[in-house]
Amino acid sequence: MPIYEYKCNGCKNVFEEFMHLGSENPSCPKCSSQTEKLISYCGGVVKGSENRSLDCIVGEDADKRRGYLEKRRERRKQNKGET
């Protein structure tokens, strides 16, 4: 079961809750008001090549975005070498 983060519409309390996918939002544990689901950060491990930030890029413009990120990475390497 995933952990979701919610914010109370009444008292602005932020709390986490274990919820099934598709469940209705729980009421606030402090004031019993309605809540809204928050977008939270999540952690994980990406396995792949040494260009891990590039492995996650998919879609129509993927090659263009990969090229842009690779050029930016090269510029950073060059700038570090100059200082």
N, C-alpha and C. Protein backbone atom coordinates (compact mmCIF):
# COMPACT_ATOMS: atom_id res chain seq x y z
N MET A 1 0.84 -1.17 0.00
CA MET A 1 0.00 0.00 0.00
C MET A 1 0.89 1.24 0.00
N PRO A 2 0.63 2.21 -0.88
CA PRO A 2 1.45 3.41 -0.92
C PRO A 2 1.11 4.39 0.20
N ILE A 3 2.06 5.23 0.54
CA ILE A 3 1.86 6.29 1.52
C ILE A 3 1.57 7.57 0.74
N TYR A 4 0.48 8.24 1.06
CA TYR A 4 0.12 9.50 0.43
C TYR A 4 0.20 10.62 1.45
N GLU A 5 0.46 11.82 0.95
CA GLU A 5 0.53 13.00 1.81
C GLU A 5 -0.71 13.85 1.51
N TYR A 6 -1.36 14.32 2.57
CA TYR A 6 -2.58 15.10 2.44
C TYR A 6 -2.46 16.40 3.21
N LYS A 7 -3.23 17.40 2.75
CA LYS A 7 -3.31 18.69 3.44
C LYS A 7 -4.78 18.98 3.73
N CYS A 8 -5.07 19.38 4.95
CA CYS A 8 -6.43 19.69 5.37
C CYS A 8 -6.85 21.03 4.78
N ASN A 9 -8.07 21.09 4.26
CA ASN A 9 -8.60 22.35 3.72
C ASN A 9 -9.02 23.31 4.84
N GLY A 10 -9.26 22.77 6.03
CA GLY A 10 -9.71 23.61 7.15
C GLY A 10 -8.56 24.16 7.97
N CYS A 11 -7.83 23.28 8.65
CA CYS A 11 -6.78 23.72 9.58
C CYS A 11 -5.38 23.71 8.95
N LYS A 12 -5.27 23.31 7.68
CA LYS A 12 -3.99 23.29 6.93
C LYS A 12 -2.98 22.28 7.49
N ASN A 13 -3.47 21.32 8.28
CA ASN A 13 -2.62 20.26 8.80
C ASN A 13 -2.14 19.38 7.63
N VAL A 14 -0.85 19.02 7.63
CA VAL A 14 -0.29 18.12 6.61
C VAL A 14 0.02 16.80 7.30
N PHE A 15 -0.44 15.70 6.71
CA PHE A 15 -0.22 14.39 7.31
C PHE A 15 -0.08 13.33 6.22
N GLU A 16 0.47 12.18 6.61
CA GLU A 16 0.64 11.05 5.70
C GLU A 16 -0.33 9.94 6.08
N GLU A 17 -0.72 9.16 5.08
CA GLU A 17 -1.68 8.08 5.32
C GLU A 17 -1.41 6.93 4.35
N PHE A 18 -1.47 5.69 4.83
CA PHE A 18 -1.43 4.52 3.96
C PHE A 18 -2.80 4.40 3.31
N MET A 19 -2.85 4.38 1.98
CA MET A 19 -4.14 4.32 1.30
C MET A 19 -4.06 3.37 0.11
N HIS A 20 -5.18 2.72 -0.19
CA HIS A 20 -5.27 1.90 -1.39
C HIS A 20 -5.40 2.83 -2.59
N LEU A 21 -4.94 2.38 -3.74
CA LEU A 21 -5.10 3.15 -4.97
C LEU A 21 -6.58 3.38 -5.23
N GLY A 22 -6.96 4.60 -5.59
CA GLY A 22 -8.34 4.89 -5.92
C GLY A 22 -9.24 5.15 -4.72
N SER A 23 -8.70 5.12 -3.51
CA SER A 23 -9.51 5.39 -2.32
C SER A 23 -9.84 6.88 -2.25
N GLU A 24 -10.93 7.19 -1.57
CA GLU A 24 -11.29 8.59 -1.34
C GLU A 24 -10.31 9.21 -0.35
N ASN A 25 -10.14 10.53 -0.43
CA ASN A 25 -9.26 11.22 0.51
C ASN A 25 -9.79 11.05 1.93
N PRO A 26 -8.89 10.81 2.89
CA PRO A 26 -9.34 10.68 4.28
C PRO A 26 -9.69 12.05 4.85
N SER A 27 -10.45 12.07 5.93
CA SER A 27 -10.72 13.33 6.61
C SER A 27 -9.53 13.65 7.51
N CYS A 28 -9.40 14.91 7.87
CA CYS A 28 -8.28 15.37 8.70
C CYS A 28 -8.36 14.73 10.09
N PRO A 29 -7.24 14.20 10.61
CA PRO A 29 -7.27 13.59 11.94
C PRO A 29 -7.44 14.60 13.07
N LYS A 30 -7.16 15.89 12.80
CA LYS A 30 -7.30 16.91 13.85
C LYS A 30 -8.69 17.52 13.91
N CYS A 31 -9.23 17.91 12.71
CA CYS A 31 -10.51 18.64 12.73
C CYS A 31 -11.61 17.98 11.90
N SER A 32 -11.32 16.85 11.27
CA SER A 32 -12.27 16.08 10.46
C SER A 32 -12.76 16.79 9.20
N SER A 33 -12.03 17.82 8.74
CA SER A 33 -12.39 18.52 7.51
C SER A 33 -11.95 17.71 6.30
N GLN A 34 -12.38 18.15 5.12
CA GLN A 34 -11.96 17.51 3.88
C GLN A 34 -10.48 17.81 3.61
N THR A 35 -9.84 16.91 2.87
CA THR A 35 -8.42 17.07 2.58
C THR A 35 -8.17 16.99 1.08
N GLU A 36 -6.98 17.40 0.68
CA GLU A 36 -6.56 17.26 -0.71
C GLU A 36 -5.21 16.55 -0.74
N LYS A 37 -5.03 15.74 -1.76
CA LYS A 37 -3.79 14.98 -1.91
C LYS A 37 -2.70 15.91 -2.42
N LEU A 38 -1.51 15.82 -1.82
CA LEU A 38 -0.38 16.63 -2.23
C LEU A 38 0.52 15.85 -3.17
N ILE A 39 1.26 16.55 -3.98
CA ILE A 39 2.29 15.93 -4.80
C ILE A 39 3.56 15.90 -3.97
N SER A 40 4.09 14.74 -3.74
CA SER A 40 5.22 14.57 -2.85
C SER A 40 6.45 14.11 -3.61
N TYR A 41 7.59 14.36 -3.01
CA TYR A 41 8.83 13.83 -3.55
C TYR A 41 8.89 12.34 -3.27
N CYS A 42 9.54 11.62 -4.14
CA CYS A 42 9.71 10.20 -3.88
C CYS A 42 11.17 9.84 -4.13
N GLY A 43 11.62 8.85 -3.46
CA GLY A 43 13.00 8.40 -3.62
C GLY A 43 13.05 7.11 -4.39
N GLY A 44 14.16 6.88 -5.01
CA GLY A 44 14.32 5.65 -5.76
C GLY A 44 15.72 5.55 -6.32
N VAL A 45 16.02 4.43 -6.87
CA VAL A 45 17.32 4.19 -7.48
C VAL A 45 17.11 3.95 -8.96
N VAL A 46 17.85 4.68 -9.77
CA VAL A 46 17.78 4.50 -11.21
C VAL A 46 19.01 3.70 -11.61
N LYS A 47 18.80 2.57 -12.22
CA LYS A 47 19.91 1.75 -12.67
C LYS A 47 20.02 1.88 -14.17
N GLY A 48 21.23 2.01 -14.65
CA GLY A 48 21.44 2.16 -16.08
C GLY A 48 22.87 2.57 -16.34
N SER A 49 23.04 3.32 -17.41
CA SER A 49 24.39 3.74 -17.78
C SER A 49 24.89 4.82 -16.83
N GLU A 50 26.09 5.30 -17.06
CA GLU A 50 26.63 6.35 -16.21
C GLU A 50 25.93 7.68 -16.46
N ASN A 51 25.19 7.79 -17.55
CA ASN A 51 24.40 8.99 -17.84
C ASN A 51 22.99 8.79 -17.32
N ARG A 52 22.84 8.60 -16.02
CA ARG A 52 21.56 8.25 -15.44
C ARG A 52 20.50 9.30 -15.68
N SER A 53 20.89 10.58 -15.67
CA SER A 53 19.89 11.62 -15.90
C SER A 53 19.35 11.55 -17.32
N LEU A 54 20.09 10.95 -18.23
CA LEU A 54 19.65 10.86 -19.62
C LEU A 54 18.82 9.61 -19.87
N ASP A 55 18.97 8.58 -19.04
CA ASP A 55 18.25 7.32 -19.24
C ASP A 55 16.75 7.49 -19.05
N CYS A 56 16.33 8.47 -18.27
CA CYS A 56 14.92 8.64 -17.93
C CYS A 56 14.16 9.43 -18.98
N ILE A 57 14.84 10.00 -19.94
CA ILE A 57 14.17 10.86 -20.92
C ILE A 57 13.58 10.01 -22.03
N VAL A 58 12.28 10.11 -22.20
CA VAL A 58 11.59 9.39 -23.26
C VAL A 58 10.59 10.33 -23.91
N GLY A 59 10.10 9.97 -25.06
CA GLY A 59 9.09 10.76 -25.73
C GLY A 59 9.55 11.26 -27.07
N GLU A 60 8.73 12.14 -27.65
CA GLU A 60 8.98 12.62 -29.01
C GLU A 60 10.30 13.37 -29.14
N ASP A 61 10.59 14.25 -28.21
CA ASP A 61 11.78 15.09 -28.30
C ASP A 61 12.95 14.54 -27.49
N ALA A 62 12.96 13.25 -27.22
CA ALA A 62 13.97 12.66 -26.35
C ALA A 62 15.38 12.88 -26.87
N ASP A 63 15.61 12.64 -28.16
CA ASP A 63 16.95 12.80 -28.71
C ASP A 63 17.43 14.23 -28.60
N LYS A 64 16.54 15.18 -28.88
CA LYS A 64 16.90 16.59 -28.79
C LYS A 64 17.25 16.98 -27.35
N ARG A 65 16.45 16.52 -26.38
CA ARG A 65 16.71 16.84 -24.98
C ARG A 65 17.98 16.16 -24.49
N ARG A 66 18.21 14.92 -24.91
CA ARG A 66 19.45 14.23 -24.53
C ARG A 66 20.66 14.99 -25.05
N GLY A 67 20.57 15.42 -26.32
CA GLY A 67 21.67 16.17 -26.91
C GLY A 67 21.95 17.46 -26.15
N TYR A 68 20.89 18.15 -25.77
CA TYR A 68 21.03 19.39 -25.01
C TYR A 68 21.72 19.13 -23.67
N LEU A 69 21.27 18.08 -22.96
CA LEU A 69 21.86 17.77 -21.66
C LEU A 69 23.32 17.32 -21.79
N GLU A 70 23.64 16.58 -22.82
CA GLU A 70 25.02 16.15 -23.03
C GLU A 70 25.92 17.34 -23.31
N LYS A 71 25.46 18.30 -24.13
CA LYS A 71 26.24 19.50 -24.40
C LYS A 71 26.45 20.32 -23.13
N ARG A 72 25.39 20.44 -22.32
CA ARG A 72 25.49 21.19 -21.08
C ARG A 72 26.48 20.54 -20.12
N ARG A 73 26.47 19.21 -20.06
CA ARG A 73 27.41 18.49 -19.21
C ARG A 73 28.85 18.71 -19.67
N GLU A 74 29.06 18.70 -20.98
CA GLU A 74 30.41 18.95 -21.52
C GLU A 74 30.89 20.36 -21.19
N ARG A 75 29.99 21.35 -21.30
CA ARG A 75 30.36 22.72 -20.97
C ARG A 75 30.75 22.84 -19.51
N ARG A 76 30.01 22.16 -18.62
CA ARG A 76 30.34 22.19 -17.19
C ARG A 76 31.72 21.58 -16.95
N LYS A 77 32.03 20.47 -17.62
CA LYS A 77 33.34 19.85 -17.47
C LYS A 77 34.44 20.80 -17.93
N GLN A 78 34.21 21.48 -19.05
CA GLN A 78 35.21 22.43 -19.58
C GLN A 78 35.39 23.59 -18.62
N ASN A 79 34.28 24.12 -18.06
CA ASN A 79 34.37 25.23 -17.14
C ASN A 79 35.09 24.85 -15.86
N LYS A 80 34.91 23.63 -15.38
CA LYS A 80 35.61 23.19 -14.17
C LYS A 80 37.12 23.08 -14.44
N GLY A 81 37.48 22.68 -15.64
CA GLY A 81 38.88 22.55 -16.00
C GLY A 81 39.58 23.89 -16.13
N GLU A 82 38.83 24.96 -16.47
CA GLU A 82 39.41 26.28 -16.64
C GLU A 82 39.69 26.98 -15.34
N THR A 83 38.93 26.66 -14.28
CA THR A 83 39.11 27.38 -13.00
C THR A 83 40.23 26.84 -12.19
